[in-house]
C-alpha atoms as a PDB file:
ATOM      1  CA  UNK A   1     -53.865 -89.213  86.525  1.00  0.00           C
ATOM      2  CA  UNK A   2     -56.705 -86.803  85.896  1.00  0.00           C
ATOM      3  CA  UNK A   3     -59.567 -87.141  83.473  1.00  0.00           C
ATOM      4  CA  UNK A   4     -59.753 -84.058  81.298  1.00  0.00           C
ATOM      5  CA  UNK A   5     -62.514 -83.399  78.771  1.00  0.00           C
ATOM      6  CA  UNK A   6     -61.572 -84.877  75.417  1.00  0.00           C
ATOM      7  CA  UNK A   7     -63.178 -85.286  71.986  1.00  0.00           C
ATOM      8  CA  UNK A   8     -63.244 -88.821  70.574  1.00  0.00           C
ATOM      9  CA  UNK A   9     -64.036 -89.108  66.880  1.00  0.00           C
ATOM     10  CA  UNK A  10     -64.665 -91.983  64.501  1.00  0.00           C
ATOM     11  CA  UNK A  11     -66.319 -92.522  61.126  1.00  0.00           C
ATOM     12  CA  UNK A  12     -69.927 -92.628  62.415  1.00  0.00           C
ATOM     13  CA  UNK A  13     -69.819 -90.782  65.723  1.00  0.00           C
ATOM     14  CA  UNK A  14     -68.135 -87.950  67.541  1.00  0.00           C
ATOM     15  CA  UNK A  15     -68.111 -87.773  71.335  1.00  0.00           C
ATOM     16  CA  UNK A  16     -67.624 -84.196  72.483  1.00  0.00           C
ATOM     17  CA  UNK A  17     -67.432 -82.749  76.005  1.00  0.00           C
ATOM     18  CA  UNK A  18     -70.959 -82.095  77.299  1.00  0.00           C
ATOM     19  CA  UNK A  19     -71.974 -78.436  77.378  1.00  0.00           C
ATOM     20  CA  UNK A  20     -75.139 -76.424  78.040  1.00  0.00           C
ATOM     21  CA  UNK A  21     -74.738 -75.360  74.385  1.00  0.00           C
ATOM     22  CA  UNK A  22     -76.015 -78.868  73.528  1.00  0.00           C
ATOM     23  CA  UNK A  23     -79.300 -78.385  75.408  1.00  0.00           C
ATOM     24  CA  UNK A  24     -81.648 -77.931  72.446  1.00  0.00           C
ATOM     25  CA  UNK A  25     -80.170 -80.842  70.495  1.00  0.00           C
ATOM     26  CA  UNK A  26     -80.331 -83.131  73.532  1.00  0.00           C
ATOM     27  CA  UNK A  27     -83.921 -82.095  74.291  1.00  0.00           C
ATOM     28  CA  UNK A  28     -84.855 -82.914  70.689  1.00  0.00           C
ATOM     29  CA  UNK A  29     -82.972 -86.237  70.734  1.00  0.00           C
ATOM     30  CA  UNK A  30     -84.667 -87.459  73.931  1.00  0.00           C
ATOM     31  CA  UNK A  31     -88.058 -86.838  72.289  1.00  0.00           C
ATOM     32  CA  UNK A  32     -87.129 -89.280  69.490  1.00  0.00           C
ATOM     33  CA  UNK A  33     -88.754 -92.294  71.134  1.00  0.00           C
ATOM     34  CA  UNK A  34     -89.982 -90.486  74.293  1.00  0.00           C
ATOM     35  CA  UNK A  35     -87.036 -92.064  76.097  1.00  0.00           C
ATOM     36  CA  UNK A  36     -88.011 -90.786  79.558  1.00  0.00           C
ATOM     37  CA  UNK A  37     -91.036 -93.136  79.442  1.00  0.00           C
ATOM     38  CA  UNK A  38     -88.887 -96.292  79.622  1.00  0.00           C
ATOM     39  CA  UNK A  39     -89.596 -97.376  83.194  1.00  0.00           C
ATOM     40  CA  UNK A  40     -86.321 -99.218  83.879  1.00  0.00           C
ATOM     41  CA  UNK A  41     -84.086 -96.265  82.955  1.00  0.00           C
ATOM     42  CA  UNK A  42     -83.658 -92.766  84.312  1.00  0.00           C
ATOM     43  CA  UNK A  43     -83.543 -90.383  81.360  1.00  0.00           C
ATOM     44  CA  UNK A  44     -84.367 -86.695  81.680  1.00  0.00           C
ATOM     45  CA  UNK A  45     -87.525 -85.308  80.140  1.00  0.00           C
ATOM     46  CA  UNK A  46     -86.958 -82.500  77.574  1.00  0.00           C
ATOM     47  CA  UNK A  47     -88.005 -79.844  80.093  1.00  0.00           C
ATOM     48  CA  UNK A  48     -85.489 -81.216  82.614  1.00  0.00           C
ATOM     49  CA  UNK A  49     -82.527 -81.423  80.224  1.00  0.00           C
ATOM     50  CA  UNK A  50     -80.822 -78.241  81.485  1.00  0.00           C
ATOM     51  CA  UNK A  51     -80.861 -79.623  85.036  1.00  0.00           C
ATOM     52  CA  UNK A  52     -79.517 -82.980  83.810  1.00  0.00           C
ATOM     53  CA  UNK A  53     -76.664 -81.257  81.980  1.00  0.00           C
ATOM     54  CA  UNK A  54     -75.898 -79.249  85.140  1.00  0.00           C
ATOM     55  CA  UNK A  55     -75.998 -82.448  87.235  1.00  0.00           C
ATOM     56  CA  UNK A  56     -73.517 -84.210  84.961  1.00  0.00           C
ATOM     57  CA  UNK A  57     -71.223 -81.176  84.768  1.00  0.00           C
ATOM     58  CA  UNK A  58     -71.337 -80.944  88.577  1.00  0.00           C
ATOM     59  CA  UNK A  59     -70.211 -84.580  88.821  1.00  0.00           C
ATOM     60  CA  UNK A  60     -67.441 -83.766  86.328  1.00  0.00           C
ATOM     61  CA  UNK A  61     -66.307 -80.870  88.527  1.00  0.00           C
ATOM     62  CA  UNK A  62     -66.276 -83.275  91.506  1.00  0.00           C
ATOM     63  CA  UNK A  63     -64.075 -85.704  89.530  1.00  0.00           C
ATOM     64  CA  UNK A  64     -66.515 -88.617  89.403  1.00  0.00           C
ATOM     65  CA  UNK A  65     -67.849 -88.270  85.844  1.00  0.00           C
ATOM     66  CA  UNK A  66     -66.642 -87.283  82.380  1.00  0.00           C
ATOM     67  CA  UNK A  67     -69.789 -86.653  80.289  1.00  0.00           C
ATOM     68  CA  UNK A  68     -70.026 -86.611  76.497  1.00  0.00           C
ATOM     69  CA  UNK A  69     -72.589 -85.441  73.977  1.00  0.00           C
ATOM     70  CA  UNK A  70     -72.961 -87.981  71.165  1.00  0.00           C
ATOM     71  CA  UNK A  71     -73.004 -86.524  67.644  1.00  0.00           C
ATOM     72  CA  UNK A  72     -74.232 -88.582  64.662  1.00  0.00           C
ATOM     73  CA  UNK A  73     -71.653 -87.670  62.007  1.00  0.00           C
ATOM     74  CA  UNK A  74     -73.944 -88.603  59.092  1.00  0.00           C
ATOM     75  CA  UNK A  75     -76.643 -86.079  60.060  1.00  0.00           C
ATOM     76  CA  UNK A  76     -74.447 -83.790  62.240  1.00  0.00           C
ATOM     77  CA  UNK A  77     -77.257 -83.949  64.804  1.00  0.00           C
ATOM     78  CA  UNK A  78     -76.993 -84.635  68.518  1.00  0.00           C
ATOM     79  CA  UNK A  79     -77.988 -88.255  69.101  1.00  0.00           C
ATOM     80  CA  UNK A  80     -77.626 -88.714  72.866  1.00  0.00           C
ATOM     81  CA  UNK A  81     -75.318 -88.740  75.874  1.00  0.00           C
ATOM     82  CA  UNK A  82     -72.758 -91.098  77.402  1.00  0.00           C
ATOM     83  CA  UNK A  83     -70.220 -90.869  80.221  1.00  0.00           C
ATOM     84  CA  UNK A  84     -67.271 -92.245  82.021  1.00  0.00           C
ATOM     85  CA  UNK A  85     -68.668 -92.444  85.545  1.00  0.00           C
ATOM     86  CA  UNK A  86     -67.816 -93.791  88.983  1.00  0.00           C
ATOM     87  CA  UNK A  87     -64.256 -92.812  88.129  1.00  0.00           C
ATOM     88  CA  UNK A  88     -61.594 -94.370  90.353  1.00  0.00           C
ATOM     89  CA  UNK A  89     -58.326 -92.600  89.578  1.00  0.00           C
ATOM     90  CA  UNK A  90     -56.290 -94.835  91.898  1.00  0.00           C
ATOM     91  CA  UNK A  91     -57.031 -97.959  89.825  1.00  0.00           C
ATOM     92  CA  UNK A  92     -57.586 -96.435  87.463  1.00  0.00           C
ATOM     93  CA  UNK A  93     -60.953 -97.809  86.439  1.00  0.00           C
ATOM     94  CA  UNK A  94     -64.114 -96.299  84.991  1.00  0.00           C
ATOM     95  CA  UNK A  95     -67.666 -97.271  84.264  1.00  0.00           C
ATOM     96  CA  UNK A  96     -69.201 -96.461  80.884  1.00  0.00           C
ATOM     97  CA  UNK A  97     -72.795 -95.572  81.565  1.00  0.00           C
ATOM     98  CA  UNK A  98     -75.632 -93.072  81.859  1.00  0.00           C
ATOM     99  CA  UNK A  99     -75.904 -93.623  78.117  1.00  0.00           C
ATOM    100  CA  UNK A 100     -78.949 -92.996  75.997  1.00  0.00           C
ATOM    101  CA  UNK A 101     -79.528 -92.602  72.268  1.00  0.00           C
ATOM    102  CA  UNK A 102     -82.400 -91.242  70.199  1.00  0.00           C
ATOM    103  CA  UNK A 103     -84.554 -94.128  68.973  1.00  0.00           C
ATOM    104  CA  UNK A 104     -83.672 -93.422  65.322  1.00  0.00           C
ATOM    105  CA  UNK A 105     -79.972 -94.199  65.918  1.00  0.00           C
ATOM    106  CA  UNK A 106     -80.412 -97.213  68.180  1.00  0.00           C
ATOM    107  CA  UNK A 107     -79.126-100.462  66.626  1.00  0.00           C
ATOM    108  CA  UNK A 108     -76.915 -98.549  64.178  1.00  0.00           C
ATOM    109  CA  UNK A 109     -73.087 -98.455  63.987  1.00  0.00           C
ATOM    110  CA  UNK A 110     -73.168 -95.312  66.161  1.00  0.00           C
ATOM    111  CA  UNK A 111     -73.267 -97.134  69.523  1.00  0.00           C
ATOM    112  CA  UNK A 112     -70.743 -99.768  68.424  1.00  0.00           C
ATOM    113  CA  UNK A 113     -68.258 -97.106  67.399  1.00  0.00           C
ATOM    114  CA  UNK A 114     -68.942 -94.992  70.510  1.00  0.00           C
ATOM    115  CA  UNK A 115     -68.092 -97.994  72.705  1.00  0.00           C
ATOM    116  CA  UNK A 116     -64.972 -98.713  70.610  1.00  0.00           C
ATOM    117  CA  UNK A 117     -63.802 -95.112  71.104  1.00  0.00           C
ATOM    118  CA  UNK A 118     -64.570 -95.052  74.844  1.00  0.00           C
ATOM    119  CA  UNK A 119     -62.982 -98.448  75.506  1.00  0.00           C
ATOM    120  CA  UNK A 120     -59.948 -97.597  73.375  1.00  0.00           C
ATOM    121  CA  UNK A 121     -59.389 -94.365  75.278  1.00  0.00           C
ATOM    122  CA  UNK A 122     -59.890 -96.116  78.628  1.00  0.00           C
ATOM    123  CA  UNK A 123     -57.424 -98.932  77.940  1.00  0.00           C
ATOM    124  CA  UNK A 124     -54.916 -97.334  75.566  1.00  0.00           C
ATOM    125  CA  UNK A 125     -54.702 -93.778  76.944  1.00  0.00           C
ATOM    126  CA  UNK A 126     -55.933 -93.965  80.548  1.00  0.00           C
ATOM    127  CA  UNK A 127     -54.422 -97.441  81.161  1.00  0.00           C
ATOM    128  CA  UNK A 128     -57.483 -98.647  83.077  1.00  0.00           C
ATOM    129  CA  UNK A 129     -57.399-101.881  85.091  1.00  0.00           C
ATOM    130  CA  UNK A 130     -61.027-102.512  84.120  1.00  0.00           C
ATOM    131  CA  UNK A 131     -63.959-100.858  82.426  1.00  0.00           C
ATOM    132  CA  UNK A 132     -67.324-101.572  83.981  1.00  0.00           C
ATOM    133  CA  UNK A 133     -70.886-101.501  82.663  1.00  0.00           C
ATOM    134  CA  UNK A 134     -74.014-101.572  84.835  1.00  0.00           C
ATOM    135  CA  UNK A 135     -77.658-101.859  83.875  1.00  0.00           C
ATOM    136  CA  UNK A 136     -81.063-102.654  85.329  1.00  0.00           C
ATOM    137  CA  UNK A 137     -81.734-106.395  85.496  1.00  0.00           C
ATOM    138  CA  UNK A 138     -84.928-105.809  83.486  1.00  0.00           C
ATOM    139  CA  UNK A 139     -83.150-103.851  80.733  1.00  0.00           C
ATOM    140  CA  UNK A 140     -82.697-106.872  78.482  1.00  0.00           C
ATOM    141  CA  UNK A 141     -81.831-104.759  75.425  1.00  0.00           C
ATOM    142  CA  UNK A 142     -78.943-103.112  77.287  1.00  0.00           C
ATOM    143  CA  UNK A 143     -77.777-106.396  78.816  1.00  0.00           C
ATOM    144  CA  UNK A 144     -77.636-108.057  75.375  1.00  0.00           C
ATOM    145  CA  UNK A 145     -75.754-105.063  73.950  1.00  0.00           C
ATOM    146  CA  UNK A 146     -73.206-105.174  76.795  1.00  0.00           C
ATOM    147  CA  UNK A 147     -72.735-108.918  76.318  1.00  0.00           C
ATOM    148  CA  UNK A 148     -72.310-108.431  72.542  1.00  0.00           C
ATOM    149  CA  UNK A 149     -69.447-106.032  73.333  1.00  0.00           C
ATOM    150  CA  UNK A 150     -67.634-108.923  74.980  1.00  0.00           C
ATOM    151  CA  UNK A 151     -68.036-107.735  78.580  1.00  0.00           C
ATOM    152  CA  UNK A 152     -68.186-110.530  81.135  1.00  0.00           C
ATOM    153  CA  UNK A 153     -70.750-110.635  83.958  1.00  0.00           C
ATOM    154  CA  UNK A 154     -69.386-109.814  87.412  1.00  0.00           C
ATOM    155  CA  UNK A 155     -72.687-110.369  89.193  1.00  0.00           C
ATOM    156  CA  UNK A 156     -75.954-108.810  90.271  1.00  0.00           C
ATOM    157  CA  UNK A 157     -76.281-106.237  93.037  1.00  0.00           C
ATOM    158  CA  UNK A 158     -79.690-106.957  94.555  1.00  0.00           C
ATOM    159  CA  UNK A 159     -81.869-103.975  95.568  1.00  0.00           C
ATOM    160  CA  UNK A 160     -79.056-101.703  94.438  1.00  0.00           C
ATOM    161  CA  UNK A 161     -81.132 -98.543  94.158  1.00  0.00           C
ATOM    162  CA  UNK A 162     -84.625 -97.104  94.234  1.00  0.00           C
ATOM    163  CA  UNK A 163     -86.021 -96.013  90.876  1.00  0.00           C
ATOM    164  CA  UNK A 164     -88.023 -92.775  90.438  1.00  0.00           C
ATOM    165  CA  UNK A 165     -91.255 -94.809  90.433  1.00  0.00           C
ATOM    166  CA  UNK A 166     -90.332 -96.339  93.806  1.00  0.00           C
ATOM    167  CA  UNK A 167     -89.440 -99.797  92.479  1.00  0.00           C
ATOM    168  CA  UNK A 168     -86.143-101.381  93.534  1.00  0.00           C
ATOM    169  CA  UNK A 169     -83.494-101.963  90.908  1.00  0.00           C
ATOM    170  CA  UNK A 170     -81.338-105.070  90.773  1.00  0.00           C
ATOM    171  CA  UNK A 171     -78.184-104.008  88.902  1.00  0.00           C
ATOM    172  CA  UNK A 172     -76.278-106.320  86.548  1.00  0.00           C
ATOM    173  CA  UNK A 173     -72.555-105.556  86.625  1.00  0.00           C
ATOM    174  CA  UNK A 174     -70.206-106.418  83.732  1.00  0.00           C
ATOM    175  CA  UNK A 175     -66.580-105.600  83.008  1.00  0.00           C
ATOM    176  CA  UNK A 176     -63.798-105.818  80.466  1.00  0.00           C
ATOM    177  CA  UNK A 177     -60.171-106.129  81.610  1.00  0.00           C
ATOM    178  CA  UNK A 178     -57.007-105.252  79.648  1.00  0.00           C
ATOM    179  CA  UNK A 179     -56.218-108.846  78.614  1.00  0.00           C
ATOM    180  CA  UNK A 180     -59.682-109.044  76.988  1.00  0.00           C
ATOM    181  CA  UNK A 181     -59.415-105.698  75.208  1.00  0.00           C
ATOM    182  CA  UNK A 182     -57.624-106.937  72.033  1.00  0.00           C
ATOM    183  CA  UNK A 183     -60.383-109.486  71.307  1.00  0.00           C
ATOM    184  CA  UNK A 184     -63.142-106.998  72.196  1.00  0.00           C
ATOM    185  CA  UNK A 185     -61.496-104.385  69.961  1.00  0.00           C
ATOM    186  CA  UNK A 186     -61.236-106.833  67.051  1.00  0.00           C
ATOM    187  CA  UNK A 187     -64.885-107.848  67.520  1.00  0.00           C
ATOM    188  CA  UNK A 188     -66.108-104.242  67.531  1.00  0.00           C
ATOM    189  CA  UNK A 189     -63.948-103.367  64.500  1.00  0.00           C
ATOM    190  CA  UNK A 190     -65.360-106.391  62.638  1.00  0.00           C
ATOM    191  CA  UNK A 191     -68.929-105.316  63.441  1.00  0.00           C
ATOM    192  CA  UNK A 192     -68.177-101.839  62.097  1.00  0.00           C
ATOM    193  CA  UNK A 193     -66.620-103.325  58.952  1.00  0.00           C
ATOM    194  CA  UNK A 194     -69.830-105.126  58.006  1.00  0.00           C
END
């Protein structure tokens, strides 16, 4: 199995293969909320967006990441980035992560539908054994969102990595397995139907 760039489209969101052509829209989106200032995440500043796009595309070329640009279908504007990362083709299994959204689209159906599309592709097309999510222990908003998806906690990796400010990150690890996917899918579809 190989992971080839793919477009995933729903009613609220379109996930398209990341490209340097998306630079200006991504630089504008990251300024909506000054997202790089959130201390427990690592999000590129507008002036570093070209390098971040190159970094993600380099990981794609190495086979460890499949990055997407997130398009808000209502406004047709770029709203953020997300990826399949830490790709294990032997499993296969993937992590959904390195995700960020402009503040104006946070807590909207956009993220719910993006996760539905990514999980659906992972389980129904790629036949993954598990889909993983990881976040900083202190990122309570992200942890609650992951738990609302229906992902189950696998544990905490203590002192997992050093953050740009020098602090040490404890990483919360969650996953969804194929037997849980039907209930997770129904839950996400119900949320979108409201």
